[in-house]
Amino acid sequence: MNWIRIAAADDLQDDEVRAVTVGSARIALYRSEGEFFATDNRCTHAEAQMSDGYLEDGCIECPLHQARFDIRTGAALCAPATEPLRTHAVRRDGNDVYIADPAA
């Protein structure tokens, strides 16, 4: 698996989300309870950036229509979304946060 460094762990606080670009992929990087997670940055219901949403208790709320998703699994938790977000493997090594190459 090819890992790509995308952030410093110290750059994100708990319950913070940030947009990152890896190649041509737009990714939302989350920090929740000290752990890091990543999903595609586009809501599966409408053209909205998940990184503009509200993150709380391991769930991200779409800023456009308030659909909620589990950041660990990508599962859609409420209407109007029915399709899950694509998730990406993330690992931390010291202060560096890596994502598995989304193009692989």
C-alpha atoms as a PDB file:
ATOM      1  CA  MET A   1       0.000   0.000   0.000  1.00  0.00           C
ATOM      2  CA  ASN A   2       1.319   3.425  -0.962  1.00  0.00           C
ATOM      3  CA  TRP A   3       0.995   5.964   1.880  1.00  0.00           C
ATOM      4  CA  ILE A   4       0.956   9.728   1.278  1.00  0.00           C
ATOM      5  CA  ARG A   5       1.629  12.280   4.024  1.00  0.00           C
ATOM      6  CA  ILE A   6      -1.302  14.709   4.179  1.00  0.00           C
ATOM      7  CA  ALA A   7      -0.975  16.620   7.441  1.00  0.00           C
ATOM      8  CA  ALA A   8       0.777  17.134  10.722  1.00  0.00           C
ATOM      9  CA  ALA A   9      -1.252  15.744  13.613  1.00  0.00           C
ATOM     10  CA  ASP A  10      -0.769  18.976  15.535  1.00  0.00           C
ATOM     11  CA  ASP A  11      -2.507  20.910  12.733  1.00  0.00           C
ATOM     12  CA  LEU A  12      -5.950  19.543  13.660  1.00  0.00           C
ATOM     13  CA  GLN A  13      -7.732  19.711  17.001  1.00  0.00           C
ATOM     14  CA  ASP A  14     -10.389  17.241  18.129  1.00  0.00           C
ATOM     15  CA  ASP A  15     -13.695  17.637  16.277  1.00  0.00           C
ATOM     16  CA  GLU A  16     -11.980  19.505  13.448  1.00  0.00           C
ATOM     17  CA  VAL A  17     -12.221  18.708   9.744  1.00  0.00           C
ATOM     18  CA  ARG A  18     -10.002  19.928   6.929  1.00  0.00           C
ATOM     19  CA  ALA A  19     -10.069  19.596   3.141  1.00  0.00           C
ATOM     20  CA  VAL A  20      -6.962  18.114   1.523  1.00  0.00           C
ATOM     21  CA  THR A  21      -6.154  17.213  -2.055  1.00  0.00           C
ATOM     22  CA  VAL A  22      -4.309  14.008  -2.884  1.00  0.00           C
ATOM     23  CA  GLY A  23      -3.605  13.867  -6.610  1.00  0.00           C
ATOM     24  CA  SER A  24      -7.009  14.519  -8.154  1.00  0.00           C
ATOM     25  CA  ALA A  25      -8.939  13.270  -5.094  1.00  0.00           C
ATOM     26  CA  ARG A  26     -10.645  15.739  -2.769  1.00  0.00           C
ATOM     27  CA  ILE A  27     -10.504  14.334   0.766  1.00  0.00           C
ATOM     28  CA  ALA A  28     -12.023  15.402   4.089  1.00  0.00           C
ATOM     29  CA  LEU A  29      -9.624  14.681   6.955  1.00  0.00           C
ATOM     30  CA  TYR A  30     -11.180  14.444  10.425  1.00  0.00           C
ATOM     31  CA  ARG A  31      -9.797  14.320  13.950  1.00  0.00           C
ATOM     32  CA  SER A  32     -12.151  12.858  16.541  1.00  0.00           C
ATOM     33  CA  GLU A  33     -11.173  11.756  20.039  1.00  0.00           C
ATOM     34  CA  GLY A  34      -7.501  11.927  19.039  1.00  0.00           C
ATOM     35  CA  GLU A  35      -7.936   9.605  16.043  1.00  0.00           C
ATOM     36  CA  PHE A  36      -7.811  10.512  12.358  1.00  0.00           C
ATOM     37  CA  PHE A  37     -10.272   9.474   9.660  1.00  0.00           C
ATOM     38  CA  ALA A  38     -10.740  10.350   5.984  1.00  0.00           C
ATOM     39  CA  THR A  39     -13.626  10.279   3.507  1.00  0.00           C
ATOM     40  CA  ASP A  40     -14.312  11.726   0.110  1.00  0.00           C
ATOM     41  CA  ASN A  41     -15.024  15.424   0.532  1.00  0.00           C
ATOM     42  CA  ARG A  42     -18.215  15.443  -1.557  1.00  0.00           C
ATOM     43  CA  CYS A  43     -21.590  14.638  -0.027  1.00  0.00           C
ATOM     44  CA  THR A  44     -23.259  11.666  -1.717  1.00  0.00           C
ATOM     45  CA  HIS A  45     -26.601  13.489  -1.743  1.00  0.00           C
ATOM     46  CA  ALA A  46     -25.665  16.852  -3.265  1.00  0.00           C
ATOM     47  CA  GLU A  47     -22.723  18.998  -4.311  1.00  0.00           C
ATOM     48  CA  ALA A  48     -21.483  20.032  -0.889  1.00  0.00           C
ATOM     49  CA  GLN A  49     -18.054  19.927   0.707  1.00  0.00           C
ATOM     50  CA  MET A  50     -18.053  17.718   3.796  1.00  0.00           C
ATOM     51  CA  SER A  51     -15.108  19.737   5.113  1.00  0.00           C
ATOM     52  CA  ASP A  52     -17.545  22.660   5.472  1.00  0.00           C
ATOM     53  CA  GLY A  53     -19.826  20.544   7.665  1.00  0.00           C
ATOM     54  CA  TYR A  54     -20.224  20.209  11.418  1.00  0.00           C
ATOM     55  CA  LEU A  55     -18.226  17.417  13.104  1.00  0.00           C
ATOM     56  CA  GLU A  56     -19.375  16.030  16.451  1.00  0.00           C
ATOM     57  CA  ASP A  57     -19.288  12.619  18.165  1.00  0.00           C
ATOM     58  CA  GLY A  58     -17.730  10.873  15.170  1.00  0.00           C
ATOM     59  CA  CYS A  59     -20.355  12.170  12.727  1.00  0.00           C
ATOM     60  CA  ILE A  60     -20.101  14.802  10.010  1.00  0.00           C
ATOM     61  CA  GLU A  61     -23.167  16.805   9.038  1.00  0.00           C
ATOM     62  CA  CYS A  62     -23.455  18.017   5.454  1.00  0.00           C
ATOM     63  CA  PRO A  63     -23.613  21.830   5.388  1.00  0.00           C
ATOM     64  CA  LEU A  64     -26.202  21.843   2.601  1.00  0.00           C
ATOM     65  CA  HIS A  65     -29.066  19.562   3.698  1.00  0.00           C
ATOM     66  CA  GLN A  66     -27.928  18.277   7.130  1.00  0.00           C
ATOM     67  CA  ALA A  67     -27.429  14.663   6.053  1.00  0.00           C
ATOM     68  CA  ARG A  68     -25.171  12.948   8.611  1.00  0.00           C
ATOM     69  CA  PHE A  69     -22.440  10.366   8.060  1.00  0.00           C
ATOM     70  CA  ASP A  70     -20.297   8.205  10.349  1.00  0.00           C
ATOM     71  CA  ILE A  71     -16.687   9.274   9.688  1.00  0.00           C
ATOM     72  CA  ARG A  72     -15.387   5.812  10.664  1.00  0.00           C
ATOM     73  CA  THR A  73     -17.485   3.796   8.217  1.00  0.00           C
ATOM     74  CA  GLY A  74     -18.887   6.419   5.833  1.00  0.00           C
ATOM     75  CA  ALA A  75     -22.428   5.159   6.564  1.00  0.00           C
ATOM     76  CA  ALA A  76     -25.285   7.555   5.811  1.00  0.00           C
ATOM     77  CA  LEU A  77     -27.107   8.032   9.127  1.00  0.00           C
ATOM     78  CA  CYS A  78     -30.146  10.055   8.085  1.00  0.00           C
ATOM     79  CA  ALA A  79     -32.078  11.471   5.159  1.00  0.00           C
ATOM     80  CA  PRO A  80     -31.749  12.920   2.701  1.00  0.00           C
ATOM     81  CA  ALA A  81     -28.532  10.920   2.128  1.00  0.00           C
ATOM     82  CA  THR A  82     -28.869   7.208   1.456  1.00  0.00           C
ATOM     83  CA  GLU A  83     -25.449   6.395  -0.049  1.00  0.00           C
ATOM     84  CA  PRO A  84     -22.346   6.124   2.168  1.00  0.00           C
ATOM     85  CA  LEU A  85     -19.255   8.285   1.832  1.00  0.00           C
ATOM     86  CA  ARG A  86     -16.166   6.513   0.520  1.00  0.00           C
ATOM     87  CA  THR A  87     -13.659   6.112   3.355  1.00  0.00           C
ATOM     88  CA  HIS A  88      -9.859   6.034   3.137  1.00  0.00           C
ATOM     89  CA  ALA A  89      -7.314   4.270   5.327  1.00  0.00           C
ATOM     90  CA  VAL A  90      -5.390   6.668   7.572  1.00  0.00           C
ATOM     91  CA  ARG A  91      -2.377   6.082   9.801  1.00  0.00           C
ATOM     92  CA  ARG A  92      -0.353   8.240  12.126  1.00  0.00           C
ATOM     93  CA  ASP A  93       3.398   8.021  12.568  1.00  0.00           C
ATOM     94  CA  GLY A  94       4.581  10.418  15.260  1.00  0.00           C
ATOM     95  CA  ASN A  95       3.285  13.831  14.228  1.00  0.00           C
ATOM     96  CA  ASP A  96       2.704  12.818  10.587  1.00  0.00           C
ATOM     97  CA  VAL A  97      -0.699  11.729   9.249  1.00  0.00           C
ATOM     98  CA  TYR A  98      -0.798   9.543   6.131  1.00  0.00           C
ATOM     99  CA  ILE A  99      -3.572   8.395   3.821  1.00  0.00           C
ATOM    100  CA  ALA A 100      -3.544   5.313   1.622  1.00  0.00           C
ATOM    101  CA  ASP A 101      -3.246   6.480  -1.984  1.00  0.00           C
ATOM    102  CA  PRO A 102      -6.877   6.992  -3.104  1.00  0.00           C
ATOM    103  CA  ALA A 103      -5.904   6.323  -6.725  1.00  0.00           C
ATOM    104  CA  ALA A 104      -4.667   2.817  -5.921  1.00  0.00           C
END
